[in-house]
All heavy atoms as atom14 arrays in JSON, in Angstrom:
{
  "sequence": "AIKPHLFDIASIEVAAFHESFGDCSAILSNLQLRSFRQAVLAETGG",
  "atom14_mask": [
    [1, 1, 1, 1, 1, 0, 0, 0, 0, 0, 0, 0, 0, 0],
    [1, 1, 1, 1, 1, 1, 1, 1, 0, 0, 0, 0, 0, 0],
    [1, 1, 1, 1, 1, 1, 1, 1, 1, 0, 0, 0, 0, 0],
    [1, 1, 1, 1, 1, 1, 1, 0, 0, 0, 0, 0, 0, 0],
    [1, 1, 1, 1, 1, 1, 1, 1, 1, 1, 0, 0, 0, 0],
    [1, 1, 1, 1, 1, 1, 1, 1, 0, 0, 0, 0, 0, 0],
    [1, 1, 1, 1, 1, 1, 1, 1, 1, 1, 1, 0, 0, 0],
    [1, 1, 1, 1, 1, 1, 1, 1, 0, 0, 0, 0, 0, 0],
    [1, 1, 1, 1, 1, 1, 1, 1, 0, 0, 0, 0, 0, 0],
    [1, 1, 1, 1, 1, 0, 0, 0, 0, 0, 0, 0, 0, 0],
    [1, 1, 1, 1, 1, 1, 0, 0, 0, 0, 0, 0, 0, 0],
    [1, 1, 1, 1, 1, 1, 1, 1, 0, 0, 0, 0, 0, 0],
    [1, 1, 1, 1, 1, 1, 1, 1, 1, 0, 0, 0, 0, 0],
    [1, 1, 1, 1, 1, 1, 1, 0, 0, 0, 0, 0, 0, 0],
    [1, 1, 1, 1, 1, 0, 0, 0, 0, 0, 0, 0, 0, 0],
    [1, 1, 1, 1, 1, 0, 0, 0, 0, 0, 0, 0, 0, 0],
    [1, 1, 1, 1, 1, 1, 1, 1, 1, 1, 1, 0, 0, 0],
    [1, 1, 1, 1, 1, 1, 1, 1, 1, 1, 0, 0, 0, 0],
    [1, 1, 1, 1, 1, 1, 1, 1, 1, 0, 0, 0, 0, 0],
    [1, 1, 1, 1, 1, 1, 0, 0, 0, 0, 0, 0, 0, 0],
    [1, 1, 1, 1, 1, 1, 1, 1, 1, 1, 1, 0, 0, 0],
    [1, 1, 1, 1, 0, 0, 0, 0, 0, 0, 0, 0, 0, 0],
    [1, 1, 1, 1, 1, 1, 1, 1, 0, 0, 0, 0, 0, 0],
    [1, 1, 1, 1, 1, 1, 0, 0, 0, 0, 0, 0, 0, 0],
    [1, 1, 1, 1, 1, 1, 0, 0, 0, 0, 0, 0, 0, 0],
    [1, 1, 1, 1, 1, 0, 0, 0, 0, 0, 0, 0, 0, 0],
    [1, 1, 1, 1, 1, 1, 1, 1, 0, 0, 0, 0, 0, 0],
    [1, 1, 1, 1, 1, 1, 1, 1, 0, 0, 0, 0, 0, 0],
    [1, 1, 1, 1, 1, 1, 0, 0, 0, 0, 0, 0, 0, 0],
    [1, 1, 1, 1, 1, 1, 1, 1, 0, 0, 0, 0, 0, 0],
    [1, 1, 1, 1, 1, 1, 1, 1, 0, 0, 0, 0, 0, 0],
    [1, 1, 1, 1, 1, 1, 1, 1, 1, 0, 0, 0, 0, 0],
    [1, 1, 1, 1, 1, 1, 1, 1, 0, 0, 0, 0, 0, 0],
    [1, 1, 1, 1, 1, 1, 1, 1, 1, 1, 1, 0, 0, 0],
    [1, 1, 1, 1, 1, 1, 0, 0, 0, 0, 0, 0, 0, 0],
    [1, 1, 1, 1, 1, 1, 1, 1, 1, 1, 1, 0, 0, 0],
    [1, 1, 1, 1, 1, 1, 1, 1, 1, 1, 1, 0, 0, 0],
    [1, 1, 1, 1, 1, 1, 1, 1, 1, 0, 0, 0, 0, 0],
    [1, 1, 1, 1, 1, 0, 0, 0, 0, 0, 0, 0, 0, 0],
    [1, 1, 1, 1, 1, 1, 1, 0, 0, 0, 0, 0, 0, 0],
    [1, 1, 1, 1, 1, 1, 1, 1, 0, 0, 0, 0, 0, 0],
    [1, 1, 1, 1, 1, 0, 0, 0, 0, 0, 0, 0, 0, 0],
    [1, 1, 1, 1, 1, 1, 1, 1, 1, 0, 0, 0, 0, 0],
    [1, 1, 1, 1, 1, 1, 1, 0, 0, 0, 0, 0, 0, 0],
    [1, 1, 1, 1, 0, 0, 0, 0, 0, 0, 0, 0, 0, 0],
    [1, 1, 1, 1, 0, 0, 0, 0, 0, 0, 0, 0, 0, 0]
  ],
  "atom14_positions": [
    [[83.22, 115.66, 90.68], [82.34, 115.51, 91.84], [82.99, 115.05, 93.16], [82.77, 115.41, 94.11], [81.14, 114.65, 91.4], [0.0, 0.0, 0.0], [0.0, 0.0, 0.0], [0.0, 0.0, 0.0], [0.0, 0.0, 0.0], [0.0, 0.0, 0.0], [0.0, 0.0, 0.0], [0.0, 0.0, 0.0], [0.0, 0.0, 0.0], [0.0, 0.0, 0.0]],
    [[83.88, 114.06, 92.82], [84.51, 113.41, 94.0], [85.91, 114.01, 94.32], [86.48, 113.86, 95.47], [84.74, 111.86, 93.75], [85.67, 111.63, 92.55], [83.39, 111.2, 93.53], [85.94, 110.09, 92.38], [0.0, 0.0, 0.0], [0.0, 0.0, 0.0], [0.0, 0.0, 0.0], [0.0, 0.0, 0.0], [0.0, 0.0, 0.0], [0.0, 0.0, 0.0]],
    [[86.49, 114.75, 93.4], [87.83, 115.28, 93.61], [87.91, 116.72, 92.92], [88.62, 116.93, 92.0], [88.95, 114.39, 93.05], [90.27, 114.62, 93.6], [90.39, 113.94, 94.9], [91.94, 113.73, 95.22], [92.02, 112.88, 96.55], [0.0, 0.0, 0.0], [0.0, 0.0, 0.0], [0.0, 0.0, 0.0], [0.0, 0.0, 0.0], [0.0, 0.0, 0.0]],
    [[87.07, 117.72, 93.3], [86.97, 118.97, 92.64], [88.22, 119.74, 92.62], [88.53, 120.67, 91.8], [85.94, 119.73, 93.41], [85.89, 119.11, 94.8], [86.15, 117.65, 94.5], [0.0, 0.0, 0.0], [0.0, 0.0, 0.0], [0.0, 0.0, 0.0], [0.0, 0.0, 0.0], [0.0, 0.0, 0.0], [0.0, 0.0, 0.0], [0.0, 0.0, 0.0]],
    [[89.21, 119.44, 93.58], [90.54, 120.14, 93.62], [91.26, 119.97, 92.31], [92.08, 120.82, 91.95], [91.39, 119.57, 94.85], [90.86, 119.89, 96.09], [89.75, 120.82, 96.38], [91.17, 119.31, 97.45], [89.55, 120.74, 97.67], [90.34, 119.96, 98.32], [0.0, 0.0, 0.0], [0.0, 0.0, 0.0], [0.0, 0.0, 0.0], [0.0, 0.0, 0.0]],
    [[91.08, 118.81, 91.65], [91.78, 118.49, 90.39], [91.56, 119.47, 89.35], [92.38, 119.55, 88.35], [91.6, 117.22, 90.06], [91.95, 115.99, 91.0], [91.72, 114.65, 90.35], [93.39, 116.03, 91.51], [0.0, 0.0, 0.0], [0.0, 0.0, 0.0], [0.0, 0.0, 0.0], [0.0, 0.0, 0.0], [0.0, 0.0, 0.0], [0.0, 0.0, 0.0]],
    [[90.4, 120.16, 89.32], [89.9, 120.9, 88.17], [90.94, 122.01, 87.77], [91.24, 122.15, 86.66], [88.6, 121.56, 88.44], [87.94, 122.15, 87.27], [87.14, 121.34, 86.37], [87.96, 123.46, 87.02], [86.58, 121.86, 85.26], [87.34, 124.01, 86.02], [86.65, 123.31, 85.03], [0.0, 0.0, 0.0], [0.0, 0.0, 0.0], [0.0, 0.0, 0.0]],
    [[91.47, 122.76, 88.76], [92.34, 123.87, 88.59], [93.77, 123.56, 88.8], [94.63, 124.53, 88.73], [91.92, 125.01, 89.4], [90.66, 125.89, 88.78], [90.85, 126.13, 87.48], [89.72, 126.18, 89.5], [0.0, 0.0, 0.0], [0.0, 0.0, 0.0], [0.0, 0.0, 0.0], [0.0, 0.0, 0.0], [0.0, 0.0, 0.0], [0.0, 0.0, 0.0]],
    [[94.13, 122.43, 89.22], [95.56, 122.11, 89.6], [96.55, 122.35, 88.3], [96.29, 121.8, 87.24], [95.75, 120.69, 90.0], [95.06, 120.62, 91.41], [97.24, 120.24, 90.23], [95.65, 121.43, 92.53], [0.0, 0.0, 0.0], [0.0, 0.0, 0.0], [0.0, 0.0, 0.0], [0.0, 0.0, 0.0], [0.0, 0.0, 0.0], [0.0, 0.0, 0.0]],
    [[97.63, 123.03, 88.54], [98.56, 123.29, 87.48], [99.51, 122.13, 87.49], [100.57, 122.27, 88.05], [99.28, 124.61, 87.69], [0.0, 0.0, 0.0], [0.0, 0.0, 0.0], [0.0, 0.0, 0.0], [0.0, 0.0, 0.0], [0.0, 0.0, 0.0], [0.0, 0.0, 0.0], [0.0, 0.0, 0.0], [0.0, 0.0, 0.0], [0.0, 0.0, 0.0]],
    [[99.27, 121.07, 86.77], [100.0, 119.92, 86.67], [99.7, 119.17, 85.46], [98.54, 118.77, 85.16], [99.81, 118.99, 87.87], [100.36, 117.66, 87.64], [0.0, 0.0, 0.0], [0.0, 0.0, 0.0], [0.0, 0.0, 0.0], [0.0, 0.0, 0.0], [0.0, 0.0, 0.0], [0.0, 0.0, 0.0], [0.0, 0.0, 0.0], [0.0, 0.0, 0.0]],
    [[100.76, 118.83, 84.59], [100.51, 118.07, 83.42], [99.91, 116.72, 83.8], [98.95, 116.21, 83.05], [101.78, 117.99, 82.59], [102.32, 119.28, 82.13], [101.58, 117.03, 81.4], [103.71, 119.19, 81.51], [0.0, 0.0, 0.0], [0.0, 0.0, 0.0], [0.0, 0.0, 0.0], [0.0, 0.0, 0.0], [0.0, 0.0, 0.0], [0.0, 0.0, 0.0]],
    [[100.39, 116.01, 84.81], [100.0, 114.75, 85.16], [98.63, 114.65, 85.65], [97.94, 113.73, 85.33], [101.02, 114.06, 86.07], [100.8, 112.66, 86.4], [101.9, 111.8, 86.83], [103.13, 112.22, 86.47], [101.75, 110.94, 87.6], [0.0, 0.0, 0.0], [0.0, 0.0, 0.0], [0.0, 0.0, 0.0], [0.0, 0.0, 0.0], [0.0, 0.0, 0.0]],
    [[98.37, 115.58, 86.46], [96.95, 115.69, 86.98], [95.9, 115.8, 85.82], [94.9, 115.29, 85.8], [96.77, 116.86, 88.03], [95.33, 117.05, 88.33], [97.49, 116.45, 89.33], [0.0, 0.0, 0.0], [0.0, 0.0, 0.0], [0.0, 0.0, 0.0], [0.0, 0.0, 0.0], [0.0, 0.0, 0.0], [0.0, 0.0, 0.0], [0.0, 0.0, 0.0]],
    [[96.28, 116.85, 84.88], [95.33, 117.01, 83.71], [95.24, 115.68, 82.91], [94.26, 115.42, 82.44], [95.91, 118.12, 82.89], [0.0, 0.0, 0.0], [0.0, 0.0, 0.0], [0.0, 0.0, 0.0], [0.0, 0.0, 0.0], [0.0, 0.0, 0.0], [0.0, 0.0, 0.0], [0.0, 0.0, 0.0], [0.0, 0.0, 0.0], [0.0, 0.0, 0.0]],
    [[96.36, 115.02, 82.73], [96.25, 113.8, 81.92], [95.46, 112.75, 82.7], [94.72, 111.89, 82.04], [97.8, 113.32, 81.72], [0.0, 0.0, 0.0], [0.0, 0.0, 0.0], [0.0, 0.0, 0.0], [0.0, 0.0, 0.0], [0.0, 0.0, 0.0], [0.0, 0.0, 0.0], [0.0, 0.0, 0.0], [0.0, 0.0, 0.0], [0.0, 0.0, 0.0]],
    [[95.56, 112.7, 84.04], [94.78, 111.76, 84.72], [93.31, 112.0, 84.56], [92.51, 111.08, 84.47], [95.11, 111.73, 86.31], [94.3, 110.69, 87.07], [94.62, 109.44, 86.97], [93.12, 111.16, 87.64], [93.8, 108.42, 87.73], [92.31, 110.29, 88.35], [92.64, 108.89, 88.41], [0.0, 0.0, 0.0], [0.0, 0.0, 0.0], [0.0, 0.0, 0.0]],
    [[92.87, 113.22, 84.51], [91.59, 113.55, 84.25], [90.99, 113.06, 83.02], [89.88, 112.44, 82.83], [91.25, 115.13, 84.36], [90.23, 115.57, 85.23], [88.9, 115.44, 84.81], [90.25, 116.31, 86.34], [88.08, 116.01, 85.81], [88.95, 116.51, 86.72], [0.0, 0.0, 0.0], [0.0, 0.0, 0.0], [0.0, 0.0, 0.0], [0.0, 0.0, 0.0]],
    [[91.84, 113.17, 81.96], [91.48, 112.57, 80.61], [91.45, 111.09, 80.71], [90.52, 110.39, 80.03], [92.49, 113.01, 79.54], [92.48, 114.42, 79.27], [91.2, 115.06, 78.8], [90.26, 114.32, 78.29], [90.95, 116.32, 79.03], [0.0, 0.0, 0.0], [0.0, 0.0, 0.0], [0.0, 0.0, 0.0], [0.0, 0.0, 0.0], [0.0, 0.0, 0.0]],
    [[92.37, 110.47, 81.35], [92.41, 108.99, 81.5], [91.1, 108.54, 82.3], [90.49, 107.46, 81.79], [93.59, 108.52, 82.24], [93.63, 107.09, 82.37], [0.0, 0.0, 0.0], [0.0, 0.0, 0.0], [0.0, 0.0, 0.0], [0.0, 0.0, 0.0], [0.0, 0.0, 0.0], [0.0, 0.0, 0.0], [0.0, 0.0, 0.0], [0.0, 0.0, 0.0]],
    [[90.67, 109.17, 83.26], [89.51, 108.84, 84.07], [88.33, 108.84, 83.08], [87.48, 107.99, 83.11], [89.27, 109.74, 85.28], [88.29, 109.26, 86.11], [88.56, 108.51, 87.35], [86.88, 109.56, 85.94], [87.67, 108.04, 88.21], [85.96, 109.15, 86.86], [86.3, 108.33, 87.94], [0.0, 0.0, 0.0], [0.0, 0.0, 0.0], [0.0, 0.0, 0.0]],
    [[88.33, 109.8, 82.13], [87.25, 109.86, 81.27], [87.17, 108.62, 80.32], [86.13, 108.12, 80.06], [0.0, 0.0, 0.0], [0.0, 0.0, 0.0], [0.0, 0.0, 0.0], [0.0, 0.0, 0.0], [0.0, 0.0, 0.0], [0.0, 0.0, 0.0], [0.0, 0.0, 0.0], [0.0, 0.0, 0.0], [0.0, 0.0, 0.0], [0.0, 0.0, 0.0]],
    [[88.36, 108.21, 79.79], [88.38, 107.06, 79.05], [88.04, 105.77, 79.89], [87.34, 104.82, 79.32], [89.77, 106.83, 78.44], [90.02, 107.86, 77.25], [89.06, 108.38, 76.83], [91.17, 107.88, 76.82], [0.0, 0.0, 0.0], [0.0, 0.0, 0.0], [0.0, 0.0, 0.0], [0.0, 0.0, 0.0], [0.0, 0.0, 0.0], [0.0, 0.0, 0.0]],
    [[88.5, 105.72, 81.07], [88.12, 104.54, 81.88], [86.57, 104.58, 82.23], [85.92, 103.54, 82.2], [88.78, 104.68, 83.38], [90.58, 104.48, 83.21], [0.0, 0.0, 0.0], [0.0, 0.0, 0.0], [0.0, 0.0, 0.0], [0.0, 0.0, 0.0], [0.0, 0.0, 0.0], [0.0, 0.0, 0.0], [0.0, 0.0, 0.0], [0.0, 0.0, 0.0]],
    [[85.94, 105.77, 82.23], [84.56, 105.83, 82.43], [83.83, 105.22, 81.18], [82.83, 104.62, 81.35], [84.14, 107.32, 82.63], [82.69, 107.45, 82.63], [0.0, 0.0, 0.0], [0.0, 0.0, 0.0], [0.0, 0.0, 0.0], [0.0, 0.0, 0.0], [0.0, 0.0, 0.0], [0.0, 0.0, 0.0], [0.0, 0.0, 0.0], [0.0, 0.0, 0.0]],
    [[84.31, 105.5, 79.96], [83.69, 105.0, 78.8], [83.84, 103.54, 78.82], [82.85, 102.84, 78.49], [84.39, 105.6, 77.63], [0.0, 0.0, 0.0], [0.0, 0.0, 0.0], [0.0, 0.0, 0.0], [0.0, 0.0, 0.0], [0.0, 0.0, 0.0], [0.0, 0.0, 0.0], [0.0, 0.0, 0.0], [0.0, 0.0, 0.0], [0.0, 0.0, 0.0]],
    [[84.9, 102.99, 79.11], [85.23, 101.54, 79.16], [84.29, 100.76, 80.11], [83.51, 99.92, 79.83], [86.6, 101.14, 79.42], [87.61, 101.6, 78.29], [86.92, 99.75, 79.79], [89.06, 101.71, 78.65], [0.0, 0.0, 0.0], [0.0, 0.0, 0.0], [0.0, 0.0, 0.0], [0.0, 0.0, 0.0], [0.0, 0.0, 0.0], [0.0, 0.0, 0.0]],
    [[84.25, 101.31, 81.35], [83.42, 100.77, 82.36], [81.87, 100.83, 82.16], [81.13, 99.82, 82.49], [83.79, 101.29, 83.75], [85.21, 101.01, 84.16], [85.57, 101.83, 85.39], [85.43, 99.52, 84.41], [0.0, 0.0, 0.0], [0.0, 0.0, 0.0], [0.0, 0.0, 0.0], [0.0, 0.0, 0.0], [0.0, 0.0, 0.0], [0.0, 0.0, 0.0]],
    [[81.5, 102.07, 81.66], [80.08, 102.28, 81.35], [79.55, 101.36, 80.18], [78.43, 100.85, 80.32], [79.79, 103.74, 80.96], [80.18, 104.55, 82.1], [0.0, 0.0, 0.0], [0.0, 0.0, 0.0], [0.0, 0.0, 0.0], [0.0, 0.0, 0.0], [0.0, 0.0, 0.0], [0.0, 0.0, 0.0], [0.0, 0.0, 0.0], [0.0, 0.0, 0.0]],
    [[80.42, 101.13, 79.16], [79.99, 100.34, 78.12], [79.77, 98.79, 78.55], [78.86, 98.22, 78.04], [81.06, 100.3, 77.0], [81.0, 101.55, 76.2], [80.05, 102.37, 76.33], [82.05, 101.83, 75.44], [0.0, 0.0, 0.0], [0.0, 0.0, 0.0], [0.0, 0.0, 0.0], [0.0, 0.0, 0.0], [0.0, 0.0, 0.0], [0.0, 0.0, 0.0]],
    [[80.57, 98.46, 79.48], [80.5, 97.03, 80.11], [79.25, 96.87, 80.95], [78.93, 95.7, 81.33], [81.66, 96.73, 80.91], [82.98, 96.51, 80.17], [84.17, 96.34, 81.07], [82.79, 95.17, 79.27], [0.0, 0.0, 0.0], [0.0, 0.0, 0.0], [0.0, 0.0, 0.0], [0.0, 0.0, 0.0], [0.0, 0.0, 0.0], [0.0, 0.0, 0.0]],
    [[78.38, 97.89, 81.0], [77.11, 97.59, 81.74], [76.04, 96.98, 80.86], [75.05, 96.53, 81.44], [76.56, 99.07, 82.28], [77.5, 99.63, 83.28], [78.1, 98.7, 84.27], [77.34, 98.12, 85.16], [79.29, 98.43, 84.26], [0.0, 0.0, 0.0], [0.0, 0.0, 0.0], [0.0, 0.0, 0.0], [0.0, 0.0, 0.0], [0.0, 0.0, 0.0]],
    [[76.28, 96.97, 79.53], [75.34, 96.28, 78.59], [75.68, 94.81, 78.41], [76.81, 94.49, 77.99], [75.37, 97.02, 77.35], [74.77, 98.46, 77.26], [74.72, 98.9, 75.84], [73.31, 98.46, 77.85], [0.0, 0.0, 0.0], [0.0, 0.0, 0.0], [0.0, 0.0, 0.0], [0.0, 0.0, 0.0], [0.0, 0.0, 0.0], [0.0, 0.0, 0.0]],
    [[74.73, 93.97, 78.76], [74.99, 92.56, 78.62], [75.34, 92.14, 77.29], [76.3, 91.39, 76.98], [73.76, 91.73, 79.14], [73.95, 90.22, 79.17], [72.73, 89.62, 79.77], [72.94, 88.09, 79.92], [72.38, 87.27, 79.02], [71.74, 87.64, 77.97], [72.6, 85.92, 79.19], [0.0, 0.0, 0.0], [0.0, 0.0, 0.0], [0.0, 0.0, 0.0]],
    [[74.67, 92.65, 76.23], [75.02, 92.27, 74.76], [76.36, 92.81, 74.54], [77.01, 92.08, 73.76], [73.96, 92.99, 73.93], [74.0, 94.42, 74.18], [0.0, 0.0, 0.0], [0.0, 0.0, 0.0], [0.0, 0.0, 0.0], [0.0, 0.0, 0.0], [0.0, 0.0, 0.0], [0.0, 0.0, 0.0], [0.0, 0.0, 0.0], [0.0, 0.0, 0.0]],
    [[76.89, 93.89, 74.97], [78.17, 94.31, 74.65], [79.29, 93.47, 75.33], [80.23, 93.07, 74.78], [78.36, 95.83, 75.14], [79.71, 96.37, 74.83], [80.02, 96.77, 73.64], [80.62, 96.5, 75.86], [81.33, 97.3, 73.25], [81.95, 97.09, 75.61], [82.29, 97.4, 74.25], [0.0, 0.0, 0.0], [0.0, 0.0, 0.0], [0.0, 0.0, 0.0]],
    [[79.04, 93.06, 76.58], [79.95, 92.09, 77.23], [80.01, 90.75, 76.49], [81.13, 90.29, 76.32], [79.41, 91.73, 78.69], [79.37, 93.08, 79.56], [79.24, 92.64, 81.09], [78.11, 91.92, 81.41], [76.88, 92.6, 81.75], [76.85, 93.87, 81.74], [75.85, 91.85, 82.01], [0.0, 0.0, 0.0], [0.0, 0.0, 0.0], [0.0, 0.0, 0.0]],
    [[78.84, 90.28, 76.09], [78.9, 89.03, 75.22], [79.72, 89.21, 73.96], [80.5, 88.38, 73.53], [77.53, 88.6, 74.87], [76.73, 88.17, 76.16], [75.35, 87.95, 75.84], [74.63, 88.6, 74.99], [74.63, 87.03, 76.58], [0.0, 0.0, 0.0], [0.0, 0.0, 0.0], [0.0, 0.0, 0.0], [0.0, 0.0, 0.0], [0.0, 0.0, 0.0]],
    [[79.53, 90.41, 73.31], [80.22, 90.67, 71.98], [81.73, 90.89, 72.26], [82.5, 90.22, 71.4], [79.69, 92.01, 71.36], [0.0, 0.0, 0.0], [0.0, 0.0, 0.0], [0.0, 0.0, 0.0], [0.0, 0.0, 0.0], [0.0, 0.0, 0.0], [0.0, 0.0, 0.0], [0.0, 0.0, 0.0], [0.0, 0.0, 0.0], [0.0, 0.0, 0.0]],
    [[82.09, 91.44, 73.31], [83.63, 91.6, 73.6], [84.21, 90.21, 73.97], [85.33, 89.87, 73.48], [83.93, 92.59, 74.71], [85.28, 92.6, 75.24], [83.43, 94.02, 74.31], [0.0, 0.0, 0.0], [0.0, 0.0, 0.0], [0.0, 0.0, 0.0], [0.0, 0.0, 0.0], [0.0, 0.0, 0.0], [0.0, 0.0, 0.0], [0.0, 0.0, 0.0]],
    [[83.48, 89.41, 74.74], [84.12, 88.02, 75.01], [84.16, 87.21, 73.82], [85.17, 86.48, 73.63], [83.07, 87.37, 76.13], [83.25, 87.98, 77.47], [82.15, 87.29, 78.31], [84.6, 87.77, 78.06], [0.0, 0.0, 0.0], [0.0, 0.0, 0.0], [0.0, 0.0, 0.0], [0.0, 0.0, 0.0], [0.0, 0.0, 0.0], [0.0, 0.0, 0.0]],
    [[83.22, 87.35, 72.86], [83.26, 86.57, 71.64], [84.51, 87.08, 70.76], [85.15, 86.3, 70.14], [82.01, 86.62, 70.89], [0.0, 0.0, 0.0], [0.0, 0.0, 0.0], [0.0, 0.0, 0.0], [0.0, 0.0, 0.0], [0.0, 0.0, 0.0], [0.0, 0.0, 0.0], [0.0, 0.0, 0.0], [0.0, 0.0, 0.0], [0.0, 0.0, 0.0]],
    [[84.67, 88.28, 70.67], [85.7, 88.99, 69.97], [87.1, 88.57, 70.51], [88.08, 88.29, 69.73], [85.52, 90.41, 69.92], [86.6, 91.16, 69.0], [86.4, 92.65, 68.95], [85.52, 93.21, 69.58], [87.25, 93.33, 68.25], [0.0, 0.0, 0.0], [0.0, 0.0, 0.0], [0.0, 0.0, 0.0], [0.0, 0.0, 0.0], [0.0, 0.0, 0.0]],
    [[87.22, 88.46, 71.79], [88.52, 88.33, 72.34], [88.8, 86.97, 72.86], [89.95, 86.59, 73.17], [88.73, 89.28, 73.59], [87.74, 88.93, 74.57], [88.59, 90.72, 73.16], [0.0, 0.0, 0.0], [0.0, 0.0, 0.0], [0.0, 0.0, 0.0], [0.0, 0.0, 0.0], [0.0, 0.0, 0.0], [0.0, 0.0, 0.0], [0.0, 0.0, 0.0]],
    [[87.86, 86.13, 72.77], [88.05, 84.74, 73.31], [88.25, 84.74, 74.78], [88.88, 83.83, 75.31], [0.0, 0.0, 0.0], [0.0, 0.0, 0.0], [0.0, 0.0, 0.0], [0.0, 0.0, 0.0], [0.0, 0.0, 0.0], [0.0, 0.0, 0.0], [0.0, 0.0, 0.0], [0.0, 0.0, 0.0], [0.0, 0.0, 0.0], [0.0, 0.0, 0.0]],
    [[87.76, 85.81, 75.4], [87.95, 85.84, 76.9], [89.31, 86.44, 77.31], [89.58, 86.62, 78.53], [0.0, 0.0, 0.0], [0.0, 0.0, 0.0], [0.0, 0.0, 0.0], [0.0, 0.0, 0.0], [0.0, 0.0, 0.0], [0.0, 0.0, 0.0], [0.0, 0.0, 0.0], [0.0, 0.0, 0.0], [0.0, 0.0, 0.0], [0.0, 0.0, 0.0]]
  ]
}
């Protein structure tokens, strides 16, 4: 939606960044749940 040019770009690194953005999306979206944030802080000790 924000960078449609990347969809068809012939570049290994651009394709890999698309996958990384997906993983970053999962990480950041999960942190929207208060119970999950509390669980992660307890698991990692901060």
